[in-house]
Amino acid sequence: MLRAMKFSQWVLGWAALLGISFGPAYIVVPRPMLAWIGLVDLAPIAMTDVRAMYAAFQFAPGLLCALALRKPAWTEPSVVLVATVYGGLASVRTFGILVDGSASLFHFAALVFEVPTFVAAVVALSKLRVEPAAG
């Protein structure tokens, strides 16, 4: 169980780093972040919504993962969240690339983070559920 917990903590630390890094960037400097995906000249109402949605939906899971590093009871549910979020991001992004023909360097760079993070979370979950508890 100890190795499973250590690997899970690594996954949570990685997800925390991603969320806590990118979330605030969408609050503080959203225009350069959005320019990468072609979202330019947005109205103020759209910028507010981008800050709320892009920032909050990255920062909040990142913060939860960081907190889970200090609360072992939160480990498994937080790793489930990581698997769900990053699996969903990679799946929907891939769907969009195929349907919209929108393959770009940005999309592939994002998938380089999303797919391994999803796979690591799934592996962490399988280790948590397979290894017997010590004691």
Protein backbone atom coordinates (compact mmCIF):
# COMPACT_ATOMS: atom_id res chain seq x y z
CA MET A 1 0.00 0.00 0.00
CA LEU A 2 2.92 2.31 0.70
CA ARG A 3 4.15 2.21 -2.93
CA ALA A 4 0.62 2.77 -4.19
CA MET A 5 0.25 5.79 -1.90
CA LYS A 6 3.60 7.22 -3.02
CA PHE A 7 2.70 6.87 -6.69
CA SER A 8 -0.72 8.38 -6.02
CA GLN A 9 0.93 11.29 -4.23
CA TRP A 10 3.17 11.83 -7.23
CA VAL A 11 0.09 11.92 -9.49
CA LEU A 12 -1.66 14.34 -7.14
CA GLY A 13 1.42 16.56 -6.93
CA TRP A 14 1.69 16.66 -10.72
CA ALA A 15 -2.02 17.48 -11.14
CA ALA A 16 -1.75 20.13 -8.41
CA LEU A 17 1.19 21.72 -10.20
CA LEU A 18 -0.69 21.82 -13.51
CA GLY A 19 -3.90 23.23 -12.04
CA ILE A 20 -2.31 25.71 -9.68
CA SER A 21 -0.03 26.96 -12.49
CA PHE A 22 -2.46 27.28 -15.38
CA GLY A 23 -5.56 28.33 -13.44
CA PRO A 24 -4.20 31.66 -12.17
CA ALA A 25 -2.63 32.37 -15.56
CA TYR A 26 -6.15 32.56 -17.00
CA ILE A 27 -7.04 35.11 -14.31
CA VAL A 28 -3.96 37.31 -14.52
CA VAL A 29 -2.98 37.10 -18.22
CA PRO A 30 -5.93 35.54 -20.04
CA ARG A 31 -5.40 37.24 -23.41
CA PRO A 32 -2.01 35.65 -24.17
CA MET A 33 -3.30 32.30 -22.94
CA LEU A 34 -6.34 32.54 -25.20
CA ALA A 35 -4.32 33.76 -28.19
CA TRP A 36 -2.72 30.29 -28.35
CA ILE A 37 -6.10 28.88 -29.38
CA GLY A 38 -7.22 31.76 -31.57
CA LEU A 39 -9.58 33.42 -29.09
CA VAL A 40 -8.81 37.10 -29.58
CA ASP A 41 -10.77 40.34 -29.28
CA LEU A 42 -13.28 38.94 -26.81
CA ALA A 43 -15.89 41.21 -25.29
CA PRO A 44 -15.52 42.02 -21.56
CA ILE A 45 -18.40 39.67 -20.67
CA ALA A 46 -16.59 36.85 -22.49
CA MET A 47 -13.32 37.64 -20.70
CA THR A 48 -15.07 37.43 -17.34
CA ASP A 49 -16.54 34.07 -18.28
CA VAL A 50 -13.18 32.81 -19.53
CA ARG A 51 -11.59 33.80 -16.23
CA ALA A 52 -14.33 32.05 -14.30
CA MET A 53 -14.46 28.87 -16.36
CA TYR A 54 -10.89 28.34 -17.53
CA ALA A 55 -9.27 29.51 -14.30
CA ALA A 56 -11.66 27.95 -11.80
CA PHE A 57 -11.91 24.60 -13.55
CA GLN A 58 -8.12 24.31 -13.52
CA PHE A 59 -7.29 25.90 -10.20
CA ALA A 60 -9.97 24.19 -8.08
CA PRO A 61 -8.99 20.59 -8.94
CA GLY A 62 -5.33 21.58 -8.59
CA LEU A 63 -6.00 22.96 -5.14
CA LEU A 64 -7.95 19.83 -4.14
CA CYS A 65 -5.04 17.65 -5.28
CA ALA A 66 -2.61 19.78 -3.26
CA LEU A 67 -4.81 19.48 -0.17
CA ALA A 68 -5.12 15.72 -0.72
CA LEU A 69 -1.36 15.43 -0.34
CA ARG A 70 -1.89 16.33 3.33
CA LYS A 71 -5.09 14.32 3.86
CA PRO A 72 -4.64 10.62 3.04
CA ALA A 73 -8.40 9.98 3.13
CA TRP A 74 -8.73 12.31 0.13
CA THR A 75 -6.17 10.43 -1.97
CA GLU A 76 -8.40 8.00 -3.86
CA PRO A 77 -11.26 10.42 -4.59
CA SER A 78 -8.76 13.03 -5.78
CA VAL A 79 -7.02 10.55 -8.07
CA VAL A 80 -10.46 9.63 -9.47
CA LEU A 81 -10.97 13.33 -10.16
CA VAL A 82 -7.61 13.54 -11.94
CA ALA A 83 -8.44 10.51 -14.10
CA THR A 84 -11.89 11.89 -14.91
CA VAL A 85 -10.75 15.42 -15.71
CA TYR A 86 -7.68 14.54 -17.76
CA GLY A 87 -9.36 11.58 -19.47
CA GLY A 88 -12.27 13.84 -20.37
CA LEU A 89 -9.99 16.61 -21.63
CA ALA A 90 -7.97 14.24 -23.81
CA SER A 91 -11.07 12.47 -25.14
CA VAL A 92 -13.01 15.60 -26.02
CA ARG A 93 -9.92 17.32 -27.44
CA THR A 94 -9.25 14.28 -29.66
CA PHE A 95 -12.91 14.23 -30.72
CA GLY A 96 -12.70 17.92 -31.61
CA ILE A 97 -9.51 17.44 -33.61
CA LEU A 98 -11.14 14.64 -35.60
CA VAL A 99 -14.51 16.33 -36.11
CA ASP A 100 -13.25 19.87 -36.71
CA GLY A 101 -9.99 19.00 -38.47
CA SER A 102 -8.31 21.35 -36.01
CA ALA A 103 -5.05 19.55 -35.31
CA SER A 104 -2.47 22.07 -34.16
CA LEU A 105 0.74 22.27 -32.20
CA PHE A 106 -1.29 23.62 -29.26
CA HIS A 107 -3.60 20.58 -29.27
CA PHE A 108 -0.74 18.11 -29.47
CA ALA A 109 1.15 19.93 -26.71
CA ALA A 110 -1.96 19.78 -24.51
CA LEU A 111 -2.39 16.07 -25.24
CA VAL A 112 1.24 15.47 -24.23
CA PHE A 113 0.18 16.56 -20.72
CA GLU A 114 -3.37 15.21 -20.67
CA VAL A 115 -2.88 11.63 -21.86
CA PRO A 116 0.05 10.71 -19.58
CA THR A 117 -1.67 12.39 -16.62
CA PHE A 118 -4.81 10.35 -17.29
CA VAL A 119 -2.81 7.12 -17.68
CA ALA A 120 -0.82 7.82 -14.50
CA ALA A 121 -4.05 8.42 -12.57
CA VAL A 122 -5.56 5.17 -13.84
CA VAL A 123 -2.40 3.27 -12.88
CA ALA A 124 -2.43 4.93 -9.44
CA LEU A 125 -6.05 3.89 -8.94
CA SER A 126 -5.33 0.33 -9.95
CA LYS A 127 -2.40 0.22 -7.51
CA LEU A 128 -4.51 1.66 -4.70
CA ARG A 129 -7.20 -0.95 -5.26
CA VAL A 130 -4.88 -3.95 -5.72
CA GLU A 131 -2.31 -3.54 -2.96
CA PRO A 132 -3.60 -4.70 0.43
CA ALA A 133 -3.52 -2.23 3.30
CA ALA A 134 -0.56 -2.58 5.61
CA GLY A 135 -1.31 -3.66 9.12
